[in-house]
C-alpha atoms as a PDB file:
ATOM      1  CA  UNK A   1     122.431  40.293  31.184  1.00  0.00           C
ATOM      2  CA  UNK A   2     124.754  42.250  33.371  1.00  0.00           C
ATOM      3  CA  UNK A   3     123.153  45.582  32.641  1.00  0.00           C
ATOM      4  CA  UNK A   4     119.729  44.178  33.483  1.00  0.00           C
ATOM      5  CA  UNK A   5     120.966  42.601  36.702  1.00  0.00           C
ATOM      6  CA  UNK A   6     122.613  45.916  37.597  1.00  0.00           C
ATOM      7  CA  UNK A   7     119.341  47.732  37.072  1.00  0.00           C
ATOM      8  CA  UNK A   8     117.499  45.139  39.258  1.00  0.00           C
ATOM      9  CA  UNK A   9     120.110  45.476  41.999  1.00  0.00           C
ATOM     10  CA  UNK A  10     119.836  49.271  41.837  1.00  0.00           C
ATOM     11  CA  UNK A  11     116.061  49.112  42.099  1.00  0.00           C
ATOM     12  CA  UNK A  12     116.318  46.667  45.036  1.00  0.00           C
ATOM     13  CA  UNK A  13     118.736  48.987  46.800  1.00  0.00           C
ATOM     14  CA  UNK A  14     116.446  51.903  46.323  1.00  0.00           C
ATOM     15  CA  UNK A  15     113.543  49.951  47.834  1.00  0.00           C
ATOM     16  CA  UNK A  16     115.625  48.957  50.826  1.00  0.00           C
ATOM     17  CA  UNK A  17     116.681  52.544  51.441  1.00  0.00           C
ATOM     18  CA  UNK A  18     113.006  53.758  51.158  1.00  0.00           C
ATOM     19  CA  UNK A  19     111.909  50.991  53.529  1.00  0.00           C
ATOM     20  CA  UNK A  20     114.629  51.898  56.061  1.00  0.00           C
ATOM     21  CA  UNK A  21     113.595  55.552  55.928  1.00  0.00           C
ATOM     22  CA  UNK A  22     109.914  54.752  56.436  1.00  0.00           C
ATOM     23  CA  UNK A  23     110.870  52.401  59.359  1.00  0.00           C
ATOM     24  CA  UNK A  24     113.064  55.148  61.026  1.00  0.00           C
ATOM     25  CA  UNK A  25     110.347  57.770  60.822  1.00  0.00           C
ATOM     26  CA  UNK A  26     107.916  55.295  62.502  1.00  0.00           C
ATOM     27  CA  UNK A  27     110.410  54.518  65.193  1.00  0.00           C
ATOM     28  CA  UNK A  28     111.018  58.176  65.874  1.00  0.00           C
ATOM     29  CA  UNK A  29     107.218  58.922  65.965  1.00  0.00           C
ATOM     30  CA  UNK A  30     106.428  56.177  68.280  1.00  0.00           C
ATOM     31  CA  UNK A  31     109.237  57.192  70.563  1.00  0.00           C
ATOM     32  CA  UNK A  32     108.016  60.804  70.634  1.00  0.00           C
ATOM     33  CA  UNK A  33     104.421  59.645  71.389  1.00  0.00           C
ATOM     34  CA  UNK A  34     105.707  57.353  74.263  1.00  0.00           C
ATOM     35  CA  UNK A  35     107.790  60.170  75.722  1.00  0.00           C
ATOM     36  CA  UNK A  36     104.846  62.560  75.528  1.00  0.00           C
ATOM     37  CA  UNK A  37     102.542  60.068  77.137  1.00  0.00           C
ATOM     38  CA  UNK A  38     104.948  59.450  79.981  1.00  0.00           C
ATOM     39  CA  UNK A  39     105.348  63.223  80.478  1.00  0.00           C
ATOM     40  CA  UNK A  40     101.562  63.817  80.607  1.00  0.00           C
ATOM     41  CA  UNK A  41     101.073  60.919  83.034  1.00  0.00           C
ATOM     42  CA  UNK A  42     103.651  62.086  85.568  1.00  0.00           C
ATOM     43  CA  UNK A  43     102.339  65.714  85.358  1.00  0.00           C
ATOM     44  CA  UNK A  44      98.742  64.707  85.661  1.00  0.00           C
ATOM     45  CA  UNK A  45      99.032  62.202  88.314  1.00  0.00           C
ATOM     46  CA  UNK A  46     102.085  63.114  90.320  1.00  0.00           C
ATOM     47  CA  UNK A  47     102.475  65.892  92.831  1.00  0.00           C
ATOM     48  CA  UNK A  48      99.245  67.664  91.760  1.00  0.00           C
ATOM     49  CA  UNK A  49      96.982  64.970  93.143  1.00  0.00           C
ATOM     50  CA  UNK A  50      96.422  64.704  96.886  1.00  0.00           C
ATOM     51  CA  UNK A  51      96.140  61.383  98.687  1.00  0.00           C
ATOM     52  CA  UNK A  52      94.551  61.517 102.115  1.00  0.00           C
ATOM     53  CA  UNK A  53      95.749  59.149 104.741  1.00  0.00           C
ATOM     54  CA  UNK A  54      94.433  61.186 107.692  1.00  0.00           C
ATOM     55  CA  UNK A  55      92.550  64.355 108.171  1.00  0.00           C
ATOM     56  CA  UNK A  56      95.370  66.427 109.668  1.00  0.00           C
ATOM     57  CA  UNK A  57      94.647  69.985 110.956  1.00  0.00           C
ATOM     58  CA  UNK A  58      91.048  69.913 109.674  1.00  0.00           C
ATOM     59  CA  UNK A  59      90.033  66.944 111.793  1.00  0.00           C
ATOM     60  CA  UNK A  60      86.985  66.949 114.001  1.00  0.00           C
ATOM     61  CA  UNK A  61      86.964  63.229 115.017  1.00  0.00           C
ATOM     62  CA  UNK A  62      87.879  59.693 113.918  1.00  0.00           C
ATOM     63  CA  UNK A  63      86.615  58.253 110.590  1.00  0.00           C
ATOM     64  CA  UNK A  64      85.673  54.569 110.347  1.00  0.00           C
ATOM     65  CA  UNK A  65      86.110  53.438 106.659  1.00  0.00           C
ATOM     66  CA  UNK A  66      84.155  50.324 105.737  1.00  0.00           C
ATOM     67  CA  UNK A  67      85.266  48.762 102.410  1.00  0.00           C
ATOM     68  CA  UNK A  68      82.168  46.687 101.261  1.00  0.00           C
ATOM     69  CA  UNK A  69      82.357  43.880  98.697  1.00  0.00           C
ATOM     70  CA  UNK A  70      80.686  41.255 100.975  1.00  0.00           C
ATOM     71  CA  UNK A  71      79.018  40.887 104.282  1.00  0.00           C
ATOM     72  CA  UNK A  72      75.468  42.253 103.669  1.00  0.00           C
ATOM     73  CA  UNK A  73      74.075  40.930 106.874  1.00  0.00           C
ATOM     74  CA  UNK A  74      77.038  42.409 108.855  1.00  0.00           C
ATOM     75  CA  UNK A  75      76.490  45.763 107.131  1.00  0.00           C
ATOM     76  CA  UNK A  76      72.964  45.887 108.660  1.00  0.00           C
ATOM     77  CA  UNK A  77      74.335  45.016 112.004  1.00  0.00           C
ATOM     78  CA  UNK A  78      76.992  47.735 111.758  1.00  0.00           C
ATOM     79  CA  UNK A  79      74.329  50.281 110.671  1.00  0.00           C
ATOM     80  CA  UNK A  80      72.293  49.411 113.881  1.00  0.00           C
ATOM     81  CA  UNK A  81      75.349  49.818 116.037  1.00  0.00           C
ATOM     82  CA  UNK A  82      76.286  53.211 114.499  1.00  0.00           C
ATOM     83  CA  UNK A  83      72.735  54.365 114.989  1.00  0.00           C
ATOM     84  CA  UNK A  84      72.802  53.333 118.539  1.00  0.00           C
ATOM     85  CA  UNK A  85      75.850  55.461 119.194  1.00  0.00           C
ATOM     86  CA  UNK A  86      74.789  58.343 117.063  1.00  0.00           C
ATOM     87  CA  UNK A  87      77.997  57.762 114.939  1.00  0.00           C
ATOM     88  CA  UNK A  88      78.594  58.268 111.300  1.00  0.00           C
ATOM     89  CA  UNK A  89      80.971  56.364 108.921  1.00  0.00           C
ATOM     90  CA  UNK A  90      82.140  56.261 105.266  1.00  0.00           C
ATOM     91  CA  UNK A  91      81.264  53.115 103.315  1.00  0.00           C
ATOM     92  CA  UNK A  92      83.507  52.598 100.329  1.00  0.00           C
ATOM     93  CA  UNK A  93      81.204  50.615  97.965  1.00  0.00           C
ATOM     94  CA  UNK A  94      82.181  47.911  95.555  1.00  0.00           C
ATOM     95  CA  UNK A  95      79.918  48.374  92.485  1.00  0.00           C
ATOM     96  CA  UNK A  96      79.300  44.623  91.737  1.00  0.00           C
ATOM     97  CA  UNK A  97      78.231  44.179  95.500  1.00  0.00           C
ATOM     98  CA  UNK A  98      75.922  47.201  95.272  1.00  0.00           C
ATOM     99  CA  UNK A  99      74.328  45.798  92.021  1.00  0.00           C
ATOM    100  CA  UNK A 100      73.228  42.803  94.068  1.00  0.00           C
ATOM    101  CA  UNK A 101      72.452  44.608  97.237  1.00  0.00           C
ATOM    102  CA  UNK A 102      70.614  47.805  96.288  1.00  0.00           C
ATOM    103  CA  UNK A 103      68.362  47.925  99.274  1.00  0.00           C
ATOM    104  CA  UNK A 104      71.387  47.717 101.602  1.00  0.00           C
ATOM    105  CA  UNK A 105      73.206  50.470  99.679  1.00  0.00           C
ATOM    106  CA  UNK A 106      70.210  52.688 100.056  1.00  0.00           C
ATOM    107  CA  UNK A 107      69.907  51.797 103.731  1.00  0.00           C
ATOM    108  CA  UNK A 108      73.466  53.015 104.239  1.00  0.00           C
ATOM    109  CA  UNK A 109      72.767  56.357 102.439  1.00  0.00           C
ATOM    110  CA  UNK A 110      69.422  56.894 104.132  1.00  0.00           C
ATOM    111  CA  UNK A 111      70.964  56.470 107.579  1.00  0.00           C
ATOM    112  CA  UNK A 112      73.121  59.469 106.872  1.00  0.00           C
ATOM    113  CA  UNK A 113      76.455  57.760 106.217  1.00  0.00           C
ATOM    114  CA  UNK A 114      78.780  58.708 103.417  1.00  0.00           C
ATOM    115  CA  UNK A 115      79.073  56.656 100.301  1.00  0.00           C
ATOM    116  CA  UNK A 116      82.584  56.385  98.770  1.00  0.00           C
ATOM    117  CA  UNK A 117      83.861  54.439  95.650  1.00  0.00           C
ATOM    118  CA  UNK A 118      85.897  51.240  95.973  1.00  0.00           C
ATOM    119  CA  UNK A 119      85.882  50.381  92.330  1.00  0.00           C
ATOM    120  CA  UNK A 120      83.464  47.990  90.482  1.00  0.00           C
ATOM    121  CA  UNK A 121      85.233  44.730  90.464  1.00  0.00           C
ATOM    122  CA  UNK A 122      88.024  45.106  93.095  1.00  0.00           C
ATOM    123  CA  UNK A 123      90.834  45.280  90.606  1.00  0.00           C
ATOM    124  CA  UNK A 124      94.456  46.201  91.187  1.00  0.00           C
ATOM    125  CA  UNK A 125      94.343  49.810  90.011  1.00  0.00           C
ATOM    126  CA  UNK A 126      98.003  50.159  89.816  1.00  0.00           C
ATOM    127  CA  UNK A 127      98.012  47.588  86.907  1.00  0.00           C
ATOM    128  CA  UNK A 128      95.257  49.396  85.005  1.00  0.00           C
ATOM    129  CA  UNK A 129      95.901  52.002  82.369  1.00  0.00           C
ATOM    130  CA  UNK A 130      94.189  55.354  82.339  1.00  0.00           C
ATOM    131  CA  UNK A 131      91.025  54.313  80.472  1.00  0.00           C
ATOM    132  CA  UNK A 132      90.673  51.149  82.448  1.00  0.00           C
ATOM    133  CA  UNK A 133      90.938  53.081  85.665  1.00  0.00           C
ATOM    134  CA  UNK A 134      88.332  55.591  84.571  1.00  0.00           C
ATOM    135  CA  UNK A 135      85.870  52.928  83.607  1.00  0.00           C
ATOM    136  CA  UNK A 136      86.292  50.966  86.823  1.00  0.00           C
ATOM    137  CA  UNK A 137      85.842  54.022  88.958  1.00  0.00           C
ATOM    138  CA  UNK A 138      83.123  55.664  86.912  1.00  0.00           C
ATOM    139  CA  UNK A 139      80.973  52.492  86.545  1.00  0.00           C
ATOM    140  CA  UNK A 140      80.814  52.283  90.396  1.00  0.00           C
ATOM    141  CA  UNK A 141      79.953  55.917  90.602  1.00  0.00           C
ATOM    142  CA  UNK A 142      77.174  55.701  87.925  1.00  0.00           C
ATOM    143  CA  UNK A 143      75.566  52.754  89.764  1.00  0.00           C
ATOM    144  CA  UNK A 144      75.684  54.402  93.192  1.00  0.00           C
ATOM    145  CA  UNK A 145      74.154  57.565  91.610  1.00  0.00           C
ATOM    146  CA  UNK A 146      71.446  55.601  89.852  1.00  0.00           C
ATOM    147  CA  UNK A 147      70.471  53.735  93.089  1.00  0.00           C
ATOM    148  CA  UNK A 148      70.746  56.630  95.617  1.00  0.00           C
ATOM    149  CA  UNK A 149      70.919  59.948  93.647  1.00  0.00           C
ATOM    150  CA  UNK A 150      74.322  60.601  95.274  1.00  0.00           C
ATOM    151  CA  UNK A 151      77.555  60.608  93.398  1.00  0.00           C
ATOM    152  CA  UNK A 152      80.746  59.612  95.435  1.00  0.00           C
ATOM    153  CA  UNK A 153      83.661  62.153  95.490  1.00  0.00           C
ATOM    154  CA  UNK A 154      86.140  59.940  97.383  1.00  0.00           C
ATOM    155  CA  UNK A 155      87.849  56.850  95.977  1.00  0.00           C
ATOM    156  CA  UNK A 156      89.602  54.174  98.031  1.00  0.00           C
ATOM    157  CA  UNK A 157      91.712  51.925  95.818  1.00  0.00           C
ATOM    158  CA  UNK A 158      91.379  48.191  96.643  1.00  0.00           C
ATOM    159  CA  UNK A 159      94.327  47.023  98.740  1.00  0.00           C
ATOM    160  CA  UNK A 160      95.664  50.532  98.617  1.00  0.00           C
ATOM    161  CA  UNK A 161      97.240  49.771  95.240  1.00  0.00           C
ATOM    162  CA  UNK A 162      97.533  52.972  93.045  1.00  0.00           C
ATOM    163  CA  UNK A 163      99.720  54.398  90.311  1.00  0.00           C
ATOM    164  CA  UNK A 164      99.845  57.585  88.162  1.00  0.00           C
ATOM    165  CA  UNK A 165      97.115  56.472  85.886  1.00  0.00           C
ATOM    166  CA  UNK A 166      94.754  55.815  88.776  1.00  0.00           C
ATOM    167  CA  UNK A 167      95.594  59.338  90.246  1.00  0.00           C
ATOM    168  CA  UNK A 168      95.023  60.886  86.876  1.00  0.00           C
ATOM    169  CA  UNK A 169      91.684  59.062  86.494  1.00  0.00           C
ATOM    170  CA  UNK A 170      90.530  60.319  89.938  1.00  0.00           C
ATOM    171  CA  UNK A 171      91.607  63.904  89.022  1.00  0.00           C
ATOM    172  CA  UNK A 172      89.692  63.827  85.689  1.00  0.00           C
ATOM    173  CA  UNK A 173      86.637  62.610  87.560  1.00  0.00           C
ATOM    174  CA  UNK A 174      86.867  65.279  90.249  1.00  0.00           C
ATOM    175  CA  UNK A 175      87.561  62.638  93.041  1.00  0.00           C
ATOM    176  CA  UNK A 176      90.043  62.427  95.859  1.00  0.00           C
ATOM    177  CA  UNK A 177      92.021  59.374  96.742  1.00  0.00           C
ATOM    178  CA  UNK A 178      91.692  58.205 100.378  1.00  0.00           C
ATOM    179  CA  UNK A 179      93.832  55.542 102.084  1.00  0.00           C
ATOM    180  CA  UNK A 180      94.052  54.872 105.891  1.00  0.00           C
ATOM    181  CA  UNK A 181      96.165  55.678 108.872  1.00  0.00           C
ATOM    182  CA  UNK A 182      95.096  52.617 110.902  1.00  0.00           C
ATOM    183  CA  UNK A 183      94.307  49.211 109.464  1.00  0.00           C
ATOM    184  CA  UNK A 184      92.375  46.669 111.596  1.00  0.00           C
ATOM    185  CA  UNK A 185      93.191  43.836 109.169  1.00  0.00           C
ATOM    186  CA  UNK A 186      89.853  42.396 110.195  1.00  0.00           C
ATOM    187  CA  UNK A 187      89.602  40.363 106.913  1.00  0.00           C
ATOM    188  CA  UNK A 188      92.596  38.361 107.832  1.00  0.00           C
ATOM    189  CA  UNK A 189      92.582  38.301 111.676  1.00  0.00           C
ATOM    190  CA  UNK A 190      89.040  37.383 112.441  1.00  0.00           C
ATOM    191  CA  UNK A 191      89.278  38.217 116.190  1.00  0.00           C
ATOM    192  CA  UNK A 192      87.092  40.777 117.802  1.00  0.00           C
ATOM    193  CA  UNK A 193      89.604  41.582 120.520  1.00  0.00           C
ATOM    194  CA  UNK A 194      92.390  42.172 118.075  1.00  0.00           C
ATOM    195  CA  UNK A 195      90.165  44.404 115.869  1.00  0.00           C
ATOM    196  CA  UNK A 196      89.218  46.422 118.972  1.00  0.00           C
ATOM    197  CA  UNK A 197      92.717  47.023 119.911  1.00  0.00           C
ATOM    198  CA  UNK A 198      93.895  48.006 116.469  1.00  0.00           C
ATOM    199  CA  UNK A 199      90.881  50.468 116.234  1.00  0.00           C
ATOM    200  CA  UNK A 200      91.549  52.012 119.674  1.00  0.00           C
ATOM    201  CA  UNK A 201      95.157  51.803 120.801  1.00  0.00           C
ATOM    202  CA  UNK A 202      96.839  55.218 120.557  1.00  0.00           C
ATOM    203  CA  UNK A 203      94.079  56.341 118.225  1.00  0.00           C
ATOM    204  CA  UNK A 204      93.967  60.070 117.759  1.00  0.00           C
ATOM    205  CA  UNK A 205      91.735  62.711 116.279  1.00  0.00           C
ATOM    206  CA  UNK A 206      91.956  62.710 112.427  1.00  0.00           C
ATOM    207  CA  UNK A 207      92.696  58.982 112.124  1.00  0.00           C
ATOM    208  CA  UNK A 208      91.185  57.031 109.207  1.00  0.00           C
ATOM    209  CA  UNK A 209      90.398  53.533 110.426  1.00  0.00           C
ATOM    210  CA  UNK A 210      90.101  50.803 107.840  1.00  0.00           C
ATOM    211  CA  UNK A 211      87.443  48.058 108.490  1.00  0.00           C
ATOM    212  CA  UNK A 212      85.277  45.592 106.580  1.00  0.00           C
ATOM    213  CA  UNK A 213      81.799  44.108 107.238  1.00  0.00           C
ATOM    214  CA  UNK A 214      83.099  41.065 109.025  1.00  0.00           C
ATOM    215  CA  UNK A 215      81.238  39.318 111.804  1.00  0.00           C
ATOM    216  CA  UNK A 216      84.027  39.984 114.294  1.00  0.00           C
ATOM    217  CA  UNK A 217      84.138  43.623 113.274  1.00  0.00           C
ATOM    218  CA  UNK A 218      80.363  43.968 113.841  1.00  0.00           C
ATOM    219  CA  UNK A 219      80.855  42.224 117.280  1.00  0.00           C
ATOM    220  CA  UNK A 220      83.702  44.665 118.202  1.00  0.00           C
ATOM    221  CA  UNK A 221      82.142  47.878 116.862  1.00  0.00           C
ATOM    222  CA  UNK A 222      79.968  48.736 119.813  1.00  0.00           C
ATOM    223  CA  UNK A 223      83.008  48.571 122.237  1.00  0.00           C
ATOM    224  CA  UNK A 224      85.116  50.603 119.848  1.00  0.00           C
ATOM    225  CA  UNK A 225      82.521  53.377 119.696  1.00  0.00           C
ATOM    226  CA  UNK A 226      82.261  53.333 123.585  1.00  0.00           C
ATOM    227  CA  UNK A 227      85.958  53.747 123.769  1.00  0.00           C
ATOM    228  CA  UNK A 228      85.779  56.784 121.434  1.00  0.00           C
ATOM    229  CA  UNK A 229      82.982  58.227 123.502  1.00  0.00           C
ATOM    230  CA  UNK A 230      84.970  57.703 126.687  1.00  0.00           C
ATOM    231  CA  UNK A 231      87.892  59.492 125.173  1.00  0.00           C
ATOM    232  CA  UNK A 232      85.907  62.421 123.678  1.00  0.00           C
ATOM    233  CA  UNK A 233      86.381  61.149 120.150  1.00  0.00           C
ATOM    234  CA  UNK A 234      83.486  61.646 117.665  1.00  0.00           C
ATOM    235  CA  UNK A 235      82.994  59.151 114.925  1.00  0.00           C
ATOM    236  CA  UNK A 236      82.495  61.186 111.647  1.00  0.00           C
ATOM    237  CA  UNK A 237      82.690  60.670 107.932  1.00  0.00           C
ATOM    238  CA  UNK A 238      85.905  61.136 106.002  1.00  0.00           C
ATOM    239  CA  UNK A 239      84.486  64.265 104.204  1.00  0.00           C
ATOM    240  CA  UNK A 240      83.414  65.791 107.506  1.00  0.00           C
ATOM    241  CA  UNK A 241      86.898  65.206 108.808  1.00  0.00           C
ATOM    242  CA  UNK A 242      88.298  66.878 105.659  1.00  0.00           C
ATOM    243  CA  UNK A 243      85.915  69.689 106.126  1.00  0.00           C
ATOM    244  CA  UNK A 244      84.102  68.906 102.840  1.00  0.00           C
ATOM    245  CA  UNK A 245      80.501  68.371 102.205  1.00  0.00           C
ATOM    246  CA  UNK A 246      79.631  64.710 101.888  1.00  0.00           C
END
């Protein structure tokens, strides 16, 4: 009985040693993969990807940036005002909005304004992984292209939230990330006078001015454009300010 028990104990010990060896190999392999993934992420999405907050030395005017996930009626009012002042702007399009407002999307494009990408569902892109970022951005691009024939090259992350995976996704899709240098905060402070002040006070050539299709923004837009005209500031698209073809 003692010999049989000794053999059983020896077999159990061998199994434990083998199991521990397999577990160790798995742990080391997973650790190596995680380290490689982190290294690739930082390299792909770090210093090699530019983020534009203003046009800098290439500037030829001021760029109004409209992030569009709502306010279709106000978009049409904004288009009318821009046309009356011979001004151009960049509209960063939410894909799910565009899906329900294709005619308005086409009206923006046909009026000669630039179409940018604002994601499909207005997600927090800092919290998305690389694949999720690529899908959210690319789905919006595909719909805009299907509706207008134009593929956006600029991406404005919702709420300005971004991380390395988002930057890597933009780089892989051949897109540039655009933030703002001036924020009207019109979605929160629904006051035409405040919006006007934030869009005009100390404004300078090369500024990227963030707006939304709010009623108060549409109300203030005419006066904002008059201020630019009176101060020899031209309202141009983001890509025009960056000296890129829109």
